[in-house]
Amino acid sequence: ITMDSRGHLHIVYGPHHGPFNFQTTQRPHDVSAWSPVEEVGVFATYPSLVCGPDDTLHLTYRGGDMPRRLMYQRRPKGGNWSDPVEVVDSKAPSGYTQYGNALAVDAANTLHLVFHIYDRHPAGGKAAGYLTSTDAGRTWQTAEGVRVALPATPGTPCFFAQSPELDMRTSNVALSPQGRPFVFTSHLKQRPPGATLWSHDGTAWRRRDLLPEISKAFPERAVAMHGTLTFDTSGRLYLAIVTGSPSGGGWGSPSWEAALLVSDDQGQTFETCALADANPQVPAWLLNVER
């Protein structure tokens, strides 16, 4: 869901293997009436939708033919959805592939896209990457400004973490007041499970291990899965993360609890606290935080 400069909401929703349903509110700041349903996307799932300052809508999702790809489409103000473009291809020879993906757009109308690639050769999220576009999604480049031929593949220089031994998931992408991308990866094969905060300083990617911060605040816990992050207008970074047993636990384990890491120096130091009282019967997970 996103909002344009006039106050109209735009939503993309629907099936696990689309096309998606797309609708817009008929009046600004009023959800009582919506446009007729349009369809967008090819075998689409996992949408990320943002609205640029020129009211162009930008959409990424997992879709396309098997093995699936990471796809992109845009819809200019008053226009129609563009044809799907393959942005990332895992180059998996066959079978299931999955792409976590998240878009952000800044005041200069620059798109920022983070993603991970998961396939079963062997099973794992083995690559996490970033692409940016300064021309409304027509061309894409690395964080260092190197033009990328689409679709990007595991051999393309847009990945900040990549290894056949890894099993990573990426969070959303947040932009610092300086317009720098921040994202974190959770590492599911690591024991105890951990997470890494990544940020680009304009020259190179920097990394910050988050497990010591979790262990310091919660000595009996580790990072269970990815969460979400955002900046406020003062530049304070908020990172919500799911903690759990150092042994890993199972999907949606009742031991999973939410924690908040707050940084006033863009991730150099953190203050950490629990987001809710621990409940041994009910997990706290699948987090989302907005500014």
Protein backbone atom coordinates (compact mmCIF):
# COMPACT_ATOMS: atom_id res chain seq x y z
CA ILE A 1 0.00 0.00 0.00
CA THR A 2 1.23 3.50 -0.75
CA MET A 3 -0.07 7.07 -1.03
CA ASP A 4 0.49 9.64 -3.77
CA SER A 5 1.00 13.41 -3.43
CA ARG A 6 -2.75 14.03 -3.75
CA GLY A 7 -3.64 11.72 -0.87
CA HIS A 8 -4.96 8.82 -2.94
CA LEU A 9 -4.11 5.35 -1.67
CA HIS A 10 -2.91 2.65 -4.07
CA ILE A 11 -2.97 -1.02 -3.10
CA VAL A 12 -1.63 -4.23 -4.62
CA TYR A 13 -2.97 -7.44 -3.14
CA GLY A 14 -4.30 -10.88 -3.94
CA PRO A 15 -3.14 -14.39 -4.75
CA HIS A 16 0.15 -16.13 -4.09
CA HIS A 17 0.73 -16.59 -7.82
CA GLY A 18 -1.02 -13.57 -9.40
CA PRO A 19 -1.86 -11.54 -11.27
CA PHE A 20 -2.27 -9.11 -8.39
CA ASN A 21 -5.34 -6.98 -7.87
CA PHE A 22 -4.66 -3.23 -8.06
CA GLN A 23 -7.00 -0.46 -6.86
CA THR A 24 -6.91 3.26 -6.06
CA THR A 25 -9.13 5.32 -3.78
CA GLN A 26 -11.49 7.55 -5.73
CA ARG A 27 -11.10 10.48 -3.34
CA PRO A 28 -8.06 11.68 -1.35
CA HIS A 29 -7.82 10.62 2.29
CA ASP A 30 -11.05 8.62 1.96
CA VAL A 31 -11.18 4.82 1.84
CA SER A 32 -14.94 4.52 1.34
CA ALA A 33 -14.79 4.22 -2.46
CA TRP A 34 -12.25 2.51 -4.72
CA SER A 35 -11.56 2.23 -8.43
CA PRO A 36 -12.49 -0.98 -10.27
CA VAL A 37 -10.00 -3.83 -9.87
CA GLU A 38 -7.17 -3.94 -12.40
CA GLU A 39 -4.73 -6.81 -12.79
CA VAL A 40 -0.95 -6.47 -12.73
CA GLY A 41 1.90 -8.94 -12.57
CA VAL A 42 2.81 -12.32 -14.06
CA PHE A 43 2.59 -15.32 -11.68
CA ALA A 44 3.14 -12.64 -9.06
CA THR A 45 3.65 -12.79 -5.30
CA TYR A 46 5.57 -10.86 -2.57
CA PRO A 47 4.80 -7.31 -3.80
CA SER A 48 6.68 -4.15 -2.84
CA LEU A 49 4.93 -0.94 -3.95
CA VAL A 50 6.13 2.68 -3.61
CA CYS A 51 5.04 6.02 -5.06
CA GLY A 52 7.62 8.49 -6.33
CA PRO A 53 7.43 12.28 -5.88
CA ASP A 54 6.11 12.52 -9.47
CA ASP A 55 3.28 10.09 -8.50
CA THR A 56 4.71 7.24 -10.56
CA LEU A 57 4.02 3.88 -8.92
CA HIS A 58 6.87 1.36 -8.80
CA LEU A 59 6.27 -2.33 -8.14
CA THR A 60 8.62 -5.27 -7.65
CA TYR A 61 7.61 -8.88 -7.02
CA ARG A 62 8.60 -12.49 -7.51
CA GLY A 63 7.07 -13.76 -10.72
CA GLY A 64 7.59 -14.80 -14.31
CA ASP A 65 8.11 -18.30 -15.62
CA MET A 66 9.71 -21.09 -13.61
CA PRO A 67 12.25 -20.80 -12.15
CA ARG A 68 10.75 -17.47 -10.98
CA ARG A 69 12.50 -14.10 -11.38
CA LEU A 70 12.41 -10.77 -9.55
CA MET A 71 10.18 -8.54 -11.69
CA TYR A 72 9.59 -4.79 -11.99
CA GLN A 73 6.72 -2.68 -13.40
CA ARG A 74 5.81 1.00 -13.14
CA ARG A 75 2.65 3.03 -13.61
CA PRO A 76 3.03 6.76 -14.38
CA LYS A 77 0.47 9.22 -13.06
CA GLY A 78 -2.68 8.81 -15.16
CA GLY A 79 -1.08 6.01 -17.19
CA ASN A 80 -1.03 2.24 -17.43
CA TRP A 81 1.26 -0.39 -16.01
CA SER A 82 4.42 -0.98 -18.04
CA ASP A 83 5.34 -4.42 -19.31
CA PRO A 84 7.12 -6.65 -16.78
CA VAL A 85 10.91 -6.46 -16.72
CA GLU A 86 13.13 -9.20 -15.28
CA VAL A 87 15.43 -7.44 -12.81
CA VAL A 88 17.10 -10.43 -11.12
CA ASP A 89 17.49 -14.03 -12.27
CA SER A 90 18.88 -16.61 -9.84
CA LYS A 91 20.10 -18.75 -12.77
CA ALA A 92 18.87 -21.77 -10.85
CA PRO A 93 18.65 -24.68 -13.30
CA SER A 94 15.17 -25.69 -12.12
CA GLY A 95 12.70 -25.76 -9.26
CA TYR A 96 11.66 -23.37 -6.53
CA THR A 97 13.21 -19.93 -6.25
CA GLN A 98 12.26 -17.09 -3.90
CA TYR A 99 13.20 -13.43 -3.79
CA GLY A 100 12.69 -11.23 -0.78
CA ASN A 101 12.44 -7.73 -2.21
CA ALA A 102 11.84 -4.24 -0.88
CA LEU A 103 11.71 -0.86 -2.60
CA ALA A 104 12.24 2.66 -1.26
CA VAL A 105 12.14 5.96 -3.15
CA ASP A 106 13.76 9.21 -2.07
CA ALA A 107 12.90 12.88 -2.63
CA ALA A 108 15.10 12.96 -5.75
CA ASN A 109 12.95 10.15 -7.25
CA THR A 110 15.79 7.63 -6.96
CA LEU A 111 14.70 4.02 -6.45
CA HIS A 112 16.48 1.76 -3.99
CA LEU A 113 15.90 -2.00 -4.23
CA VAL A 114 17.22 -4.68 -1.86
CA PHE A 115 16.66 -8.38 -2.39
CA HIS A 116 17.83 -11.87 -1.57
CA ILE A 117 17.95 -14.95 -3.78
CA TYR A 118 16.83 -18.33 -2.43
CA ASP A 119 16.92 -21.56 -4.41
CA ARG A 120 17.34 -25.26 -3.73
CA HIS A 121 20.75 -25.92 -5.32
CA PRO A 122 21.44 -26.41 -2.38
CA ALA A 123 18.54 -24.96 -0.38
CA GLY A 124 19.35 -21.55 1.06
CA GLY A 125 19.30 -17.80 0.66
CA LYS A 126 22.78 -17.55 -0.78
CA ALA A 127 22.92 -13.96 -2.08
CA ALA A 128 21.77 -10.51 -0.91
CA GLY A 129 21.99 -7.54 -3.23
CA TYR A 130 21.10 -3.93 -3.96
CA LEU A 131 20.22 -2.01 -7.11
CA THR A 132 19.34 1.64 -7.63
CA SER A 133 17.70 3.57 -10.47
CA THR A 134 17.78 7.30 -11.11
CA ASP A 135 15.52 7.21 -14.20
CA ALA A 136 12.27 5.71 -12.88
CA GLY A 137 13.31 2.10 -13.31
CA ARG A 138 14.44 2.29 -16.93
CA THR A 139 18.05 1.46 -16.05
CA TRP A 140 19.65 0.09 -12.88
CA GLN A 141 23.08 0.37 -11.33
CA THR A 142 25.07 -0.76 -8.31
CA ALA A 143 25.50 1.39 -5.20
CA GLU A 144 28.84 2.48 -6.65
CA GLY A 145 27.19 3.68 -9.88
CA VAL A 146 28.12 0.78 -12.19
CA ARG A 147 25.43 0.21 -14.86
CA VAL A 148 23.94 -3.30 -14.66
CA ALA A 149 22.64 -5.30 -17.61
CA LEU A 150 19.30 -6.87 -16.72
CA PRO A 151 18.52 -9.33 -15.44
CA ALA A 152 21.20 -9.24 -12.75
CA THR A 153 22.53 -12.70 -11.90
CA PRO A 154 24.78 -14.07 -9.14
CA GLY A 155 27.77 -12.98 -11.24
CA THR A 156 26.65 -9.34 -11.37
CA PRO A 157 28.57 -6.94 -9.04
CA CYS A 158 25.46 -5.79 -7.15
CA PHE A 159 25.67 -8.20 -4.21
CA PHE A 160 26.95 -7.18 -0.79
CA ALA A 161 26.82 -10.74 0.61
CA GLN A 162 27.08 -13.97 -1.37
CA SER A 163 28.20 -17.54 -0.65
CA PRO A 164 26.85 -21.05 -1.38
CA GLU A 165 27.23 -21.75 2.35
CA LEU A 166 24.85 -18.98 3.47
CA ASP A 167 21.12 -18.97 4.17
CA MET A 168 20.13 -15.29 4.40
CA ARG A 169 16.96 -13.24 4.35
CA THR A 170 16.88 -9.48 3.79
CA SER A 171 14.80 -6.89 5.62
CA ASN A 172 13.22 -3.83 4.05
CA VAL A 173 15.49 -0.97 2.96
CA ALA A 174 15.57 2.32 4.90
CA LEU A 175 17.22 5.55 3.81
CA SER A 176 19.30 7.67 6.15
CA PRO A 177 18.87 11.48 6.15
CA GLN A 178 21.86 11.50 3.76
CA GLY A 179 20.01 9.17 1.38
CA ARG A 180 22.21 6.16 2.15
CA PRO A 181 20.59 2.69 2.06
CA PHE A 182 20.43 0.58 5.22
CA VAL A 183 19.32 -3.06 5.26
CA PHE A 184 19.94 -6.04 7.46
CA THR A 185 20.29 -9.74 6.76
CA SER A 186 19.40 -12.59 9.09
CA HIS A 187 21.61 -15.68 8.93
CA LEU A 188 19.63 -18.85 9.52
CA LYS A 189 22.41 -21.46 9.29
CA GLN A 190 24.70 -19.62 11.70
CA ARG A 191 24.76 -21.01 15.25
CA PRO A 192 23.70 -19.16 17.20
CA PRO A 193 21.62 -17.45 14.48
CA GLY A 194 22.72 -13.88 13.85
CA ALA A 195 22.06 -10.77 11.79
CA THR A 196 24.17 -8.17 10.04
CA LEU A 197 23.36 -4.50 9.50
CA TRP A 198 24.58 -3.27 6.11
CA SER A 199 24.94 0.34 5.00
CA HIS A 200 26.58 2.02 2.04
CA ASP A 201 28.70 5.10 2.74
CA GLY A 202 28.85 6.26 -0.89
CA THR A 203 32.00 4.28 -1.58
CA ALA A 204 31.57 0.79 -0.15
CA TRP A 205 29.27 -1.40 1.92
CA ARG A 206 29.86 -1.46 5.65
CA ARG A 207 28.70 -4.24 7.97
CA ARG A 208 27.83 -4.39 11.66
CA ASP A 209 27.24 -7.67 13.51
CA LEU A 210 24.02 -7.39 15.54
CA LEU A 211 24.27 -10.62 17.53
CA PRO A 212 26.50 -9.07 20.23
CA GLU A 213 23.86 -6.39 20.82
CA ILE A 214 21.14 -9.03 21.22
CA SER A 215 23.33 -11.19 23.46
CA LYS A 216 24.24 -8.22 25.65
CA ALA A 217 20.58 -7.30 26.25
CA PHE A 218 19.20 -10.87 26.25
CA PRO A 219 21.97 -13.32 27.26
CA GLU A 220 19.86 -16.42 26.56
CA ARG A 221 18.65 -15.34 23.13
CA ALA A 222 19.87 -15.06 19.54
CA VAL A 223 18.42 -13.66 16.30
CA ALA A 224 15.51 -15.82 15.16
CA MET A 225 14.59 -14.10 11.89
CA HIS A 226 14.65 -10.79 10.08
CA GLY A 227 12.51 -7.81 11.05
CA THR A 228 12.27 -4.24 9.84
CA LEU A 229 14.04 -0.89 10.17
CA THR A 230 13.33 2.81 9.70
CA PHE A 231 14.76 6.28 10.37
CA ASP A 232 12.93 9.19 11.98
CA THR A 233 13.37 12.78 10.85
CA SER A 234 16.16 13.38 13.37
CA GLY A 235 18.23 10.55 11.86
CA ARG A 236 17.60 8.06 14.68
CA LEU A 237 17.64 4.46 13.43
CA TYR A 238 15.04 1.99 14.72
CA LEU A 239 15.58 -1.71 14.07
CA ALA A 240 12.91 -4.21 15.15
CA ILE A 241 14.11 -7.81 15.19
CA VAL A 242 12.85 -11.23 16.29
CA THR A 243 14.89 -12.99 18.95
CA GLY A 244 14.76 -16.65 19.90
CA SER A 245 16.58 -19.70 21.16
CA PRO A 246 20.28 -19.95 20.25
CA SER A 247 19.50 -23.41 18.83
CA GLY A 248 17.29 -21.82 16.20
CA GLY A 249 13.87 -23.28 17.02
CA GLY A 250 11.17 -23.87 14.43
CA TRP A 251 9.19 -21.56 12.17
CA GLY A 252 6.98 -19.39 14.37
CA SER A 253 8.33 -20.91 17.57
CA PRO A 254 6.45 -19.78 20.71
CA SER A 255 9.83 -18.74 22.11
CA TRP A 256 10.20 -15.98 19.50
CA GLU A 257 10.03 -12.47 20.93
CA ALA A 258 10.36 -8.98 19.44
CA ALA A 259 13.14 -6.58 20.39
CA LEU A 260 13.92 -3.00 19.37
CA LEU A 261 17.42 -1.66 18.69
CA VAL A 262 17.75 2.13 18.60
CA SER A 263 20.80 4.02 17.34
CA ASP A 264 21.56 7.74 17.33
CA ASP A 265 24.80 7.29 15.35
CA GLN A 266 23.54 5.30 12.34
CA GLY A 267 24.34 1.88 13.71
CA GLN A 268 27.65 2.37 15.48
CA THR A 269 26.06 1.91 18.92
CA PHE A 270 22.63 0.71 20.04
CA GLU A 271 20.23 0.76 22.95
CA THR A 272 18.15 -2.42 23.07
CA CYS A 273 14.84 -3.24 24.74
CA ALA A 274 12.02 -5.77 24.54
CA LEU A 275 8.98 -4.69 22.53
CA ALA A 276 6.51 -6.78 24.52
CA ASP A 277 6.32 -8.92 27.63
CA ALA A 278 7.53 -12.44 26.86
CA ASN A 279 4.77 -15.03 26.46
CA PRO A 280 6.03 -18.64 26.31
CA GLN A 281 2.89 -19.76 24.45
CA VAL A 282 2.66 -17.05 21.77
CA PRO A 283 5.38 -15.89 19.34
CA ALA A 284 5.94 -12.21 18.57
CA TRP A 285 7.21 -12.07 15.00
CA LEU A 286 6.59 -10.89 11.39
CA LEU A 287 7.30 -7.31 12.42
CA ASN A 288 6.68 -4.08 10.56
CA VAL A 289 7.66 -0.58 11.66
CA GLU A 290 6.87 2.66 9.83
CA ARG A 291 8.10 6.16 10.55
